Protein backbone atom coordinates (compact mmCIF):
# COMPACT_ATOMS: atom_id res chain seq x y z
CA MET A 1 0.00 0.00 0.00
CA GLU A 2 2.81 2.42 0.87
CA LYS A 3 4.48 1.67 -2.46
CA PHE A 4 1.18 2.36 -4.24
CA LYS A 5 0.83 5.72 -2.45
CA SER A 6 4.43 6.55 -3.35
CA VAL A 7 3.76 5.91 -7.05
CA ILE A 8 0.67 8.15 -7.01
CA THR A 9 2.62 10.91 -5.24
CA THR A 10 5.61 10.84 -7.60
CA LYS A 11 3.66 10.05 -10.79
CA LYS A 12 0.40 11.96 -10.63
CA TRP A 13 -0.73 10.61 -14.00
CA PHE A 14 -0.87 7.15 -12.45
CA ALA A 15 -4.10 7.98 -10.57
CA ILE A 16 -5.98 9.05 -13.72
CA ALA A 17 -4.58 6.01 -15.55
CA VAL A 18 -6.05 3.71 -12.89
CA ALA A 19 -9.35 5.66 -12.98
CA THR A 20 -9.45 5.28 -16.79
CA ILE A 21 -8.96 1.50 -16.56
CA LEU A 22 -11.71 1.24 -13.94
CA LEU A 23 -14.01 3.38 -16.09
CA ILE A 24 -13.41 1.11 -19.09
CA ILE A 25 -14.22 -1.98 -16.98
CA ILE A 26 -17.43 -0.43 -15.60
CA LEU A 27 -18.66 0.79 -18.99
CA SER A 28 -17.81 -2.59 -20.56
CA LEU A 29 -20.06 -4.29 -18.00
CA LEU A 30 -22.86 -1.79 -18.57
CA SER A 31 -22.70 -1.86 -22.38
CA PRO A 32 -21.56 -4.87 -24.46
CA VAL A 33 -20.86 -2.53 -27.38
CA PHE A 34 -18.43 -0.36 -25.44
CA PHE A 35 -15.28 -2.49 -25.38
CA THR A 36 -15.18 -3.38 -29.05
CA PHE A 37 -12.41 -2.56 -31.51
CA SER A 38 -14.62 -0.24 -33.60
CA ASN A 39 -15.85 1.71 -30.56
CA MET A 40 -12.37 2.01 -29.01
CA GLN A 41 -11.08 3.31 -32.34
CA ALA A 42 -13.95 5.78 -32.47
CA VAL A 43 -13.11 6.95 -28.94
CA LEU A 44 -9.50 7.64 -29.93
CA VAL A 45 -10.63 9.54 -33.04
CA GLN A 46 -13.02 11.59 -30.91
CA ALA A 47 -10.29 12.18 -28.33
CA SER A 48 -7.65 13.17 -30.88
CA ILE A 49 -8.46 16.91 -30.98
CA THR A 50 -8.79 17.19 -27.19
CA CYS A 51 -5.52 15.31 -26.61
CA ILE A 52 -3.62 17.28 -29.26
CA MET A 53 -4.74 20.58 -27.74
CA ALA A 54 -4.05 19.27 -24.23
CA VAL A 55 -0.37 18.89 -25.15
CA GLY A 56 -0.13 22.63 -25.78
CA MET A 57 -2.27 23.55 -22.77
CA THR A 58 0.05 21.49 -20.57
CA PHE A 59 3.05 23.65 -21.48
CA ILE A 60 1.03 26.82 -20.83
CA ILE A 61 -0.26 25.71 -17.44
CA LEU A 62 3.19 24.43 -16.46
CA THR A 63 4.45 28.02 -16.78
CA GLY A 64 1.73 29.10 -14.35
CA GLY A 65 -0.50 30.46 -17.12
CA ILE A 66 -3.75 29.45 -18.78
CA ASP A 67 -5.29 29.99 -22.22
CA ILE A 68 -9.05 30.46 -22.48
CA SER A 69 -8.76 31.47 -26.15
CA MET A 70 -7.69 28.11 -27.62
CA GLY A 71 -11.22 27.34 -28.81
CA ALA A 72 -11.37 30.76 -30.51
CA ILE A 73 -7.98 30.17 -32.16
CA LEU A 74 -9.35 26.85 -33.42
CA TYR A 75 -12.42 28.59 -34.87
CA PHE A 76 -10.42 31.42 -36.44
CA THR A 77 -7.98 28.98 -38.03
CA ALA A 78 -10.83 26.89 -39.43
CA ALA A 79 -12.56 30.05 -40.72
CA LEU A 80 -9.39 31.31 -42.38
CA PHE A 81 -8.76 27.92 -44.00
CA ALA A 82 -12.33 27.65 -45.30
CA LYS A 83 -12.34 31.23 -46.59
CA LEU A 84 -9.02 30.84 -48.40
CA MET A 85 -10.18 27.57 -49.98
CA GLU A 86 -13.15 29.48 -51.44
CA SER A 87 -10.66 31.47 -53.52
CA ASN A 88 -9.28 28.21 -55.03
CA GLN A 89 -5.87 28.36 -53.35
CA SER A 90 -3.80 25.17 -53.15
CA ILE A 91 -4.41 23.04 -50.06
CA PRO A 92 -0.73 22.93 -48.90
CA PHE A 93 -0.47 26.73 -49.18
CA VAL A 94 -3.70 27.33 -47.24
CA PHE A 95 -2.68 24.71 -44.67
CA ALA A 96 0.66 26.48 -44.07
CA ILE A 97 -0.90 29.95 -43.85
CA SER A 98 -3.56 28.72 -41.40
CA ILE A 99 -1.04 27.03 -39.08
CA VAL A 100 1.27 30.07 -39.12
CA CYS A 101 -1.69 32.28 -38.24
CA ALA A 102 -2.67 29.96 -35.37
CA CYS A 103 0.91 30.12 -34.03
CA ALA A 104 0.87 33.93 -34.30
CA LEU A 105 -2.39 34.19 -32.32
CA GLY A 106 -1.00 31.94 -29.60
CA ALA A 107 2.25 33.91 -29.48
CA LEU A 108 0.26 37.16 -29.23
CA ASN A 109 -1.37 35.82 -26.07
CA GLY A 110 2.04 35.08 -24.58
CA PHE A 111 3.40 38.49 -25.65
CA LEU A 112 0.53 40.33 -23.95
CA VAL A 113 1.03 38.30 -20.77
CA VAL A 114 4.79 38.93 -20.46
CA LYS A 115 5.00 42.44 -21.94
CA PHE A 116 2.21 44.07 -19.96
CA LYS A 117 2.30 41.72 -16.94
CA MET A 118 -1.37 40.92 -17.54
CA ALA A 119 -3.16 38.04 -15.82
CA PRO A 120 -3.31 35.11 -18.31
CA LEU A 121 -6.96 34.38 -17.49
CA ILE A 122 -8.13 37.94 -18.23
CA THR A 123 -5.78 38.32 -21.21
CA THR A 124 -6.92 35.17 -22.99
CA LEU A 125 -10.55 35.82 -22.10
CA ALA A 126 -10.23 39.13 -23.95
CA THR A 127 -8.42 37.60 -26.92
CA TYR A 128 -11.05 34.82 -27.01
CA THR A 129 -13.63 37.49 -27.81
CA MET A 130 -11.30 39.20 -30.28
CA TYR A 131 -10.37 36.06 -32.21
CA ARG A 132 -13.88 34.69 -32.36
CA GLY A 133 -15.26 38.08 -33.36
CA ALA A 134 -12.65 38.37 -36.12
CA ALA A 135 -13.58 34.93 -37.44
CA ILE A 136 -17.28 35.79 -37.49
CA HIS A 137 -16.51 39.05 -39.30
CA LEU A 138 -14.35 37.19 -41.81
CA THR A 139 -17.07 34.67 -42.67
CA ASN A 140 -20.22 36.62 -41.79
CA ALA A 141 -21.05 33.69 -39.48
CA GLN A 142 -21.73 31.50 -42.51
CA ASN A 143 -21.19 27.76 -42.77
CA ILE A 144 -18.58 27.16 -45.47
CA PRO A 145 -17.96 23.70 -47.00
CA VAL A 146 -14.41 22.58 -47.78
CA PRO A 147 -13.20 20.41 -50.69
CA ARG A 148 -13.55 16.66 -50.33
CA GLU A 149 -9.75 16.25 -50.47
CA VAL A 150 -9.44 18.04 -47.12
CA GLY A 151 -11.55 15.30 -45.52
CA PHE A 152 -8.56 12.97 -45.53
CA LEU A 153 -7.20 14.74 -42.44
CA GLY A 154 -10.29 13.87 -40.46
CA ASN A 155 -11.66 10.72 -42.05
CA GLY A 156 -8.79 9.16 -44.00
CA LYS A 157 -6.69 6.14 -43.04
CA ILE A 158 -3.06 5.14 -43.43
CA LEU A 159 -2.38 1.40 -43.12
CA ASP A 160 -5.96 1.13 -41.82
CA ILE A 161 -5.20 3.55 -38.96
CA PRO A 162 -7.34 6.73 -38.86
CA VAL A 163 -5.30 9.82 -39.70
CA PRO A 164 -6.46 11.80 -36.60
CA ILE A 165 -5.03 9.04 -34.38
CA ILE A 166 -1.72 9.10 -36.25
CA ILE A 167 -1.47 12.89 -35.93
CA MET A 168 -2.38 12.65 -32.24
CA VAL A 169 0.32 10.07 -31.54
CA ILE A 170 2.96 12.15 -33.36
CA VAL A 171 2.04 15.32 -31.43
CA ILE A 172 2.04 13.42 -28.12
CA ILE A 173 5.47 11.87 -28.75
CA ILE A 174 6.92 15.26 -29.69
CA GLY A 175 5.28 16.87 -26.65
CA ILE A 176 6.65 14.24 -24.27
CA TYR A 177 10.12 14.55 -25.79
CA ILE A 178 10.15 18.36 -25.52
CA SER A 179 8.89 18.34 -21.94
CA THR A 180 11.27 15.66 -20.65
CA LYS A 181 14.37 15.72 -22.85
CA THR A 182 14.99 19.34 -23.77
CA ARG A 183 16.20 22.47 -22.03
CA PHE A 184 12.94 24.18 -22.98
CA GLY A 185 10.98 21.61 -20.98
CA THR A 186 13.21 22.18 -17.97
CA TYR A 187 12.77 25.95 -18.27
CA VAL A 188 8.98 25.60 -18.45
CA MET A 189 8.95 23.61 -15.21
CA ALA A 190 11.30 26.06 -13.50
CA ILE A 191 9.23 29.10 -14.49
CA GLY A 192 6.02 27.55 -13.20
CA ASP A 193 7.64 26.38 -9.99
CA SER A 194 9.09 29.79 -9.12
CA PRO A 195 9.01 32.68 -11.64
CA GLN A 196 11.16 34.86 -9.39
CA SER A 197 13.84 32.19 -8.97
CA ALA A 198 13.79 31.58 -12.73
CA LYS A 199 14.44 35.28 -13.37
CA GLU A 200 17.20 35.40 -10.79
CA SER A 201 18.77 32.36 -12.47
CA LYS A 202 18.86 34.35 -15.74
CA LEU A 203 16.48 31.98 -17.52
CA PRO A 204 14.78 33.39 -20.66
CA VAL A 205 11.43 33.61 -18.87
CA ASN A 206 9.68 35.86 -21.40
CA ILE A 207 10.82 33.92 -24.46
CA VAL A 208 9.90 30.56 -22.95
CA THR A 209 6.48 31.84 -21.86
CA VAL A 210 5.69 33.22 -25.32
CA ALA A 211 6.91 29.96 -26.86
CA ALA A 212 4.56 27.96 -24.60
CA TYR A 213 1.59 30.02 -25.78
CA LEU A 214 2.80 29.68 -29.37
CA ILE A 215 2.73 25.89 -28.96
CA GLY A 216 -0.83 26.28 -27.68
CA GLY A 217 -1.73 28.16 -30.85
CA PHE A 218 -0.02 25.55 -33.02
CA VAL A 219 -1.93 22.59 -31.58
CA SER A 220 -5.17 24.60 -31.76
CA GLY A 221 -4.50 25.07 -35.47
CA ILE A 222 -3.87 21.35 -35.95
CA GLY A 223 -7.08 20.58 -34.04
CA ALA A 224 -8.97 23.09 -36.22
CA LEU A 225 -7.97 21.42 -39.47
CA ILE A 226 -8.79 17.92 -38.18
CA LEU A 227 -12.21 19.09 -36.96
CA LEU A 228 -12.87 20.99 -40.18
CA ALA A 229 -12.05 17.86 -42.17
CA ARG A 230 -14.18 15.61 -39.98
CA VAL A 231 -17.36 17.70 -40.28
CA GLY A 232 -16.76 18.67 -43.91
CA GLY A 233 -16.80 22.41 -43.48
CA LEU A 234 -16.90 25.43 -41.19
CA GLN A 235 -19.74 25.68 -38.68
CA SER A 236 -20.51 28.78 -36.65
CA ASN A 237 -20.49 26.91 -33.32
CA MET A 238 -17.14 25.26 -33.96
CA GLY A 239 -14.76 25.22 -31.01
CA ILE A 240 -17.19 26.63 -28.43
CA GLY A 241 -16.33 25.26 -24.98
CA ILE A 242 -13.51 22.99 -26.14
CA GLU A 243 -10.92 24.98 -24.16
CA PHE A 244 -12.65 24.00 -20.91
CA THR A 245 -12.59 20.32 -21.86
CA VAL A 246 -8.88 20.68 -22.61
CA ILE A 247 -8.20 22.44 -19.29
CA ALA A 248 -10.17 19.71 -17.50
CA ALA A 249 -8.06 17.05 -19.23
CA VAL A 250 -4.80 18.73 -18.15
CA VAL A 251 -5.92 19.16 -14.54
CA LEU A 252 -7.25 15.59 -14.40
CA GLY A 253 -3.87 14.43 -15.67
CA GLY A 254 -2.14 15.82 -12.58
CA THR A 255 -0.80 19.16 -13.82
CA LYS A 256 -0.92 21.78 -11.06
CA LEU A 257 -2.97 24.85 -12.00
CA SER A 258 -0.31 26.94 -10.27
CA GLY A 259 2.33 25.50 -12.62
CA GLY A 260 5.67 23.77 -12.18
CA SER A 261 4.41 20.18 -12.00
CA GLY A 262 2.71 17.95 -14.54
CA THR A 263 3.17 15.71 -17.56
CA VAL A 264 1.99 15.59 -21.15
CA LEU A 265 1.18 11.90 -20.72
CA GLY A 266 -1.13 12.65 -17.80
CA SER A 267 -2.97 15.33 -19.81
CA VAL A 268 -3.49 12.91 -22.71
CA ILE A 269 -4.89 10.23 -20.40
CA GLY A 270 -7.14 12.89 -18.85
CA GLY A 271 -8.44 13.78 -22.32
CA ILE A 272 -9.18 10.15 -23.14
CA PHE A 273 -10.91 9.75 -19.76
CA LEU A 274 -13.32 12.61 -20.53
CA ILE A 275 -14.13 11.28 -24.00
CA LEU A 276 -14.72 7.82 -22.54
CA ILE A 277 -17.33 9.36 -20.22
CA ASN A 278 -19.08 11.04 -23.17
CA ASN A 279 -18.94 7.86 -25.23
CA GLY A 280 -20.21 5.69 -22.37
CA LEU A 281 -23.11 8.01 -21.56
CA ASN A 282 -24.03 8.08 -25.23
CA LEU A 283 -24.06 4.27 -25.49
CA LEU A 284 -26.19 4.11 -22.33
CA ASN A 285 -28.67 6.54 -23.93
CA ALA A 286 -28.22 9.05 -21.13
CA SER A 287 -29.64 12.53 -21.56
CA PRO A 288 -27.18 14.76 -23.49
CA TYR A 289 -27.82 17.49 -20.93
CA ILE A 290 -26.05 15.44 -18.28
CA TYR A 291 -22.72 15.41 -20.17
CA ASP A 292 -21.60 18.86 -19.03
CA ILE A 293 -22.81 18.17 -15.47
CA VAL A 294 -20.62 15.08 -15.26
CA LYS A 295 -17.66 16.85 -16.89
CA GLY A 296 -17.98 19.83 -14.54
CA THR A 297 -18.23 17.57 -11.50
CA VAL A 298 -15.12 15.65 -12.55
CA LEU A 299 -13.20 18.91 -13.04
CA LEU A 300 -14.36 20.25 -9.67
CA VAL A 301 -13.19 17.08 -7.93
CA ALA A 302 -9.83 17.24 -9.75
CA VAL A 303 -9.27 20.87 -8.73
CA ALA A 304 -10.26 20.08 -5.14
CA VAL A 305 -7.83 17.15 -5.02
CA ASP A 306 -5.08 19.36 -6.49
CA ARG A 307 -5.76 22.02 -3.87
CA ILE A 308 -5.78 19.49 -1.01
CA SER A 309 -2.48 18.07 -2.28
CA ILE A 310 -0.90 21.55 -2.32
CA LEU A 311 -2.13 22.32 1.19
CA ARG A 312 -0.86 18.96 2.45
CA GLN A 313 2.58 19.57 0.92
CA SER A 314 2.66 23.06 2.45
CA LYS A 315 1.79 21.61 5.84
CA ILE A 316 4.55 19.02 5.57
CA LEU A 317 7.09 21.70 4.62
CA LEU A 318 6.01 23.89 7.55
CA GLU A 319 6.31 20.96 9.95
CA GLN A 320 9.79 20.14 8.63
CA LYS A 321 10.84 23.78 8.99
CA ALA A 322 9.46 23.94 12.53
CA LYS A 323 11.31 20.74 13.40
CA ARG A 324 14.61 22.16 12.10
CA ILE A 325 14.08 25.33 14.15
CA ARG A 326 13.38 23.32 17.32
CA CYS A 327 16.47 21.18 16.73
CA SER A 328 18.66 24.26 16.25
CA VAL A 329 17.26 25.87 19.42
CA GLU A 330 17.68 22.72 21.51
CA GLY A 331 21.16 22.16 20.06
């Protein structure tokens, strides 16, 4: 038991991994259709956009920030892509322009946060309105179909593996590598753990923070093009609320909202966990109005657990400090 507690403490993603396995077992017992190859593949396809965006959100939250505008970046990128395709531009060209634009919007968020010392929550809430408003102005809130060739990104297969799953796996592997094997990943953790100490250590705090938000914009752009391809065109409600699902996935995966601790792997498992809930409720013919209630409850529990963990660690540190003081006085 002590070893089990130690694993959960040192590897916070382990808890959500266990919860995901238990959820799969429970839903498999409740629905014979749930644990089938076709349904599991469908779950991964559905989870692909959430998990891809969760990779970027993980880097942002690790710095101690947050990005409420990722859903709006997704919508703007999709709108730009659809609008450019209307003018008969080549798909590779439009793809490149759309992704660059998504990166620029993400980087702008980071720039505003570091340049004007603005609170990330308020900053990205403002840019959420700006980006979504710009997209609506660009398209006049119209639904715009995209060419059938674009559908390959969302519905195509390579070696019988759905393309969204392949893209998701590639993004996850790159995200894990950057966070664990590069200097950038170390800097991100250090900034989130103690911004003041990071500055005193001469770390490039501003550049790393902007880069984290840029990554958030990049994965939002990738998610936009996959979603656009899956539904066959731009829809005016595209991307609404997805940022909260992504944040929930990251928090469920063990990343501290205050920054400095977390893993990409945990965020991905958190994303899959949330999609499994949606899929299971759907197979059980539950009311669609209960989805958000369940998701909100899960997020609330995750935040509460995170807060309790922080308070417990603070208490332990205070007790250790008090013990050292007593020892020094008695000595």
